[in-house]
Amino acid sequence: MPLTHDFKETIRARAQRDTGFRQALLCEAVECVINGELAVGKSVLRDYVNATVGFQDLERQTQIPAKSLMRMLGPKGSPSAANLSSILTALQKTEGVHFELSLRR
């Protein structure tokens, strides 16, 4: 089910005023990708980008055309590992965070 315009605007407004919320969105996206939930991870990343930097700015940071980025993070998109890495690297820099992987047993 597609998200409504009101819901997307609510996410955008909160992301713009709440650093913790923004960082949690980005973290959730990465966790989903790592845990094999690529479709969910791409969807959350797309929401994050729309609510924060936008695809035009992400294009400048990654040197990947905005339309390609939108397709990659869309429901049928299949980003390569290199492109996903470029996207996540750019978003980490923008957000001022650094992801680390830890092993849990």
C-alpha atoms as a PDB file:
ATOM      1  CA  MET A   1       0.000   0.000   0.000  1.00  0.00           C
ATOM      2  CA  PRO A   2       1.497   3.369  -0.994  1.00  0.00           C
ATOM      3  CA  LEU A   3       2.077   5.982   1.651  1.00  0.00           C
ATOM      4  CA  THR A   4      -0.182   9.008   1.649  1.00  0.00           C
ATOM      5  CA  HIS A   5       1.104  12.489   0.985  1.00  0.00           C
ATOM      6  CA  ASP A   6       0.221  13.525   4.543  1.00  0.00           C
ATOM      7  CA  PHE A   7       2.245  10.660   6.015  1.00  0.00           C
ATOM      8  CA  LYS A   8       5.282  11.531   3.872  1.00  0.00           C
ATOM      9  CA  GLU A   9       5.013  15.181   4.899  1.00  0.00           C
ATOM     10  CA  THR A  10       4.814  14.153   8.563  1.00  0.00           C
ATOM     11  CA  ILE A  11       8.001  12.080   8.158  1.00  0.00           C
ATOM     12  CA  ARG A  12       9.746  14.958   6.359  1.00  0.00           C
ATOM     13  CA  ALA A  13       8.756  17.514   9.005  1.00  0.00           C
ATOM     14  CA  ARG A  14       9.909  15.312  11.863  1.00  0.00           C
ATOM     15  CA  ALA A  15      13.170  14.417  10.112  1.00  0.00           C
ATOM     16  CA  GLN A  16      13.959  18.077   9.567  1.00  0.00           C
ATOM     17  CA  ARG A  17      13.507  18.988  13.230  1.00  0.00           C
ATOM     18  CA  ASP A  18      14.635  15.801  15.006  1.00  0.00           C
ATOM     19  CA  THR A  19      18.219  14.607  14.537  1.00  0.00           C
ATOM     20  CA  GLY A  20      17.596  11.432  16.543  1.00  0.00           C
ATOM     21  CA  PHE A  21      14.657  10.494  14.333  1.00  0.00           C
ATOM     22  CA  ARG A  22      16.724  11.096  11.172  1.00  0.00           C
ATOM     23  CA  GLN A  23      19.563   8.953  12.475  1.00  0.00           C
ATOM     24  CA  ALA A  24      17.145   6.215  13.541  1.00  0.00           C
ATOM     25  CA  LEU A  25      15.656   6.118  10.023  1.00  0.00           C
ATOM     26  CA  LEU A  26      19.102   5.737   8.503  1.00  0.00           C
ATOM     27  CA  CYS A  27      20.090   3.097  11.046  1.00  0.00           C
ATOM     28  CA  GLU A  28      16.875   1.152  10.417  1.00  0.00           C
ATOM     29  CA  ALA A  29      17.544   1.146   6.679  1.00  0.00           C
ATOM     30  CA  VAL A  30      21.061  -0.218   7.147  1.00  0.00           C
ATOM     31  CA  GLU A  31      19.917  -2.868   9.633  1.00  0.00           C
ATOM     32  CA  CYS A  32      17.231  -4.048   7.211  1.00  0.00           C
ATOM     33  CA  VAL A  33      19.732  -4.366   4.365  1.00  0.00           C
ATOM     34  CA  ILE A  34      22.236  -6.254   6.536  1.00  0.00           C
ATOM     35  CA  ASN A  35      19.511  -8.585   7.843  1.00  0.00           C
ATOM     36  CA  GLY A  36      18.329  -9.568   4.358  1.00  0.00           C
ATOM     37  CA  GLU A  37      15.290  -7.311   4.163  1.00  0.00           C
ATOM     38  CA  LEU A  38      16.502  -5.430   1.084  1.00  0.00           C
ATOM     39  CA  ALA A  39      13.064  -4.272  -0.061  1.00  0.00           C
ATOM     40  CA  VAL A  40      12.294  -2.735   3.334  1.00  0.00           C
ATOM     41  CA  GLY A  41      15.780  -1.240   3.605  1.00  0.00           C
ATOM     42  CA  LYS A  42      15.490   0.393   0.172  1.00  0.00           C
ATOM     43  CA  SER A  43      12.068   1.777   1.050  1.00  0.00           C
ATOM     44  CA  VAL A  44      13.327   3.305   4.303  1.00  0.00           C
ATOM     45  CA  LEU A  45      16.403   4.709   2.516  1.00  0.00           C
ATOM     46  CA  ARG A  46      14.152   6.282  -0.113  1.00  0.00           C
ATOM     47  CA  ASP A  47      11.986   7.849   2.614  1.00  0.00           C
ATOM     48  CA  TYR A  48      15.132   9.075   4.375  1.00  0.00           C
ATOM     49  CA  VAL A  49      16.530  10.668   1.207  1.00  0.00           C
ATOM     50  CA  ASN A  50      13.197  12.298   0.369  1.00  0.00           C
ATOM     51  CA  ALA A  51      12.892  13.659   3.903  1.00  0.00           C
ATOM     52  CA  THR A  52      16.456  14.948   4.148  1.00  0.00           C
ATOM     53  CA  VAL A  53      19.027  15.563   1.403  1.00  0.00           C
ATOM     54  CA  GLY A  54      16.887  14.858  -1.655  1.00  0.00           C
ATOM     55  CA  PHE A  55      17.956  12.930  -4.720  1.00  0.00           C
ATOM     56  CA  GLN A  56      19.560  15.914  -6.474  1.00  0.00           C
ATOM     57  CA  ASP A  57      21.996  16.476  -3.602  1.00  0.00           C
ATOM     58  CA  LEU A  58      22.652  12.740  -3.321  1.00  0.00           C
ATOM     59  CA  GLU A  59      23.462  12.762  -7.049  1.00  0.00           C
ATOM     60  CA  ARG A  60      26.127  15.422  -6.457  1.00  0.00           C
ATOM     61  CA  GLN A  61      27.621  13.430  -3.596  1.00  0.00           C
ATOM     62  CA  THR A  62      27.647  10.019  -5.304  1.00  0.00           C
ATOM     63  CA  GLN A  63      28.043  10.989  -8.967  1.00  0.00           C
ATOM     64  CA  ILE A  64      25.099   8.660  -9.688  1.00  0.00           C
ATOM     65  CA  PRO A  65      22.253  10.288 -11.660  1.00  0.00           C
ATOM     66  CA  ALA A  66      19.246  11.144  -9.477  1.00  0.00           C
ATOM     67  CA  LYS A  67      16.864   9.139 -11.669  1.00  0.00           C
ATOM     68  CA  SER A  68      19.110   6.085 -11.308  1.00  0.00           C
ATOM     69  CA  LEU A  69      19.188   6.559  -7.544  1.00  0.00           C
ATOM     70  CA  MET A  70      15.392   6.768  -7.472  1.00  0.00           C
ATOM     71  CA  ARG A  71      15.099   3.576  -9.524  1.00  0.00           C
ATOM     72  CA  MET A  72      17.671   1.744  -7.374  1.00  0.00           C
ATOM     73  CA  LEU A  73      15.775   2.560  -4.197  1.00  0.00           C
ATOM     74  CA  GLY A  74      12.388   1.881  -5.773  1.00  0.00           C
ATOM     75  CA  PRO A  75      10.406  -1.355  -5.327  1.00  0.00           C
ATOM     76  CA  LYS A  76      11.897  -3.021  -8.422  1.00  0.00           C
ATOM     77  CA  GLY A  77      15.368  -1.534  -7.995  1.00  0.00           C
ATOM     78  CA  SER A  78      18.455  -3.644  -7.603  1.00  0.00           C
ATOM     79  CA  PRO A  79      21.388  -1.489  -6.513  1.00  0.00           C
ATOM     80  CA  SER A  80      24.827  -3.000  -6.904  1.00  0.00           C
ATOM     81  CA  ALA A  81      26.951  -3.376  -3.802  1.00  0.00           C
ATOM     82  CA  ALA A  82      29.176  -0.558  -5.085  1.00  0.00           C
ATOM     83  CA  ASN A  83      26.224   1.812  -5.574  1.00  0.00           C
ATOM     84  CA  LEU A  84      24.674   0.925  -2.222  1.00  0.00           C
ATOM     85  CA  SER A  85      28.038   1.537  -0.581  1.00  0.00           C
ATOM     86  CA  SER A  86      28.341   4.940  -2.304  1.00  0.00           C
ATOM     87  CA  ILE A  87      24.846   5.898  -1.165  1.00  0.00           C
ATOM     88  CA  LEU A  88      25.447   4.856   2.442  1.00  0.00           C
ATOM     89  CA  THR A  89      28.863   6.547   2.546  1.00  0.00           C
ATOM     90  CA  ALA A  90      27.353   9.819   1.324  1.00  0.00           C
ATOM     91  CA  LEU A  91      24.453   9.639   3.774  1.00  0.00           C
ATOM     92  CA  GLN A  92      26.787   8.897   6.697  1.00  0.00           C
ATOM     93  CA  LYS A  93      28.798  12.012   5.842  1.00  0.00           C
ATOM     94  CA  THR A  94      25.686  14.129   5.484  1.00  0.00           C
ATOM     95  CA  GLU A  95      24.245  12.905   8.771  1.00  0.00           C
ATOM     96  CA  GLY A  96      27.585  13.048  10.602  1.00  0.00           C
ATOM     97  CA  VAL A  97      27.444   9.418  11.726  1.00  0.00           C
ATOM     98  CA  HIS A  98      29.634   6.358  11.208  1.00  0.00           C
ATOM     99  CA  PHE A  99      28.299   2.839  10.973  1.00  0.00           C
ATOM    100  CA  GLU A 100      30.158  -0.010  12.624  1.00  0.00           C
ATOM    101  CA  LEU A 101      29.294  -3.660  12.394  1.00  0.00           C
ATOM    102  CA  SER A 102      29.471  -5.781  15.520  1.00  0.00           C
ATOM    103  CA  LEU A 103      28.971  -9.484  15.986  1.00  0.00           C
ATOM    104  CA  ARG A 104      26.270 -10.634  18.416  1.00  0.00           C
ATOM    105  CA  ARG A 105      26.073 -14.202  19.652  1.00  0.00           C
END
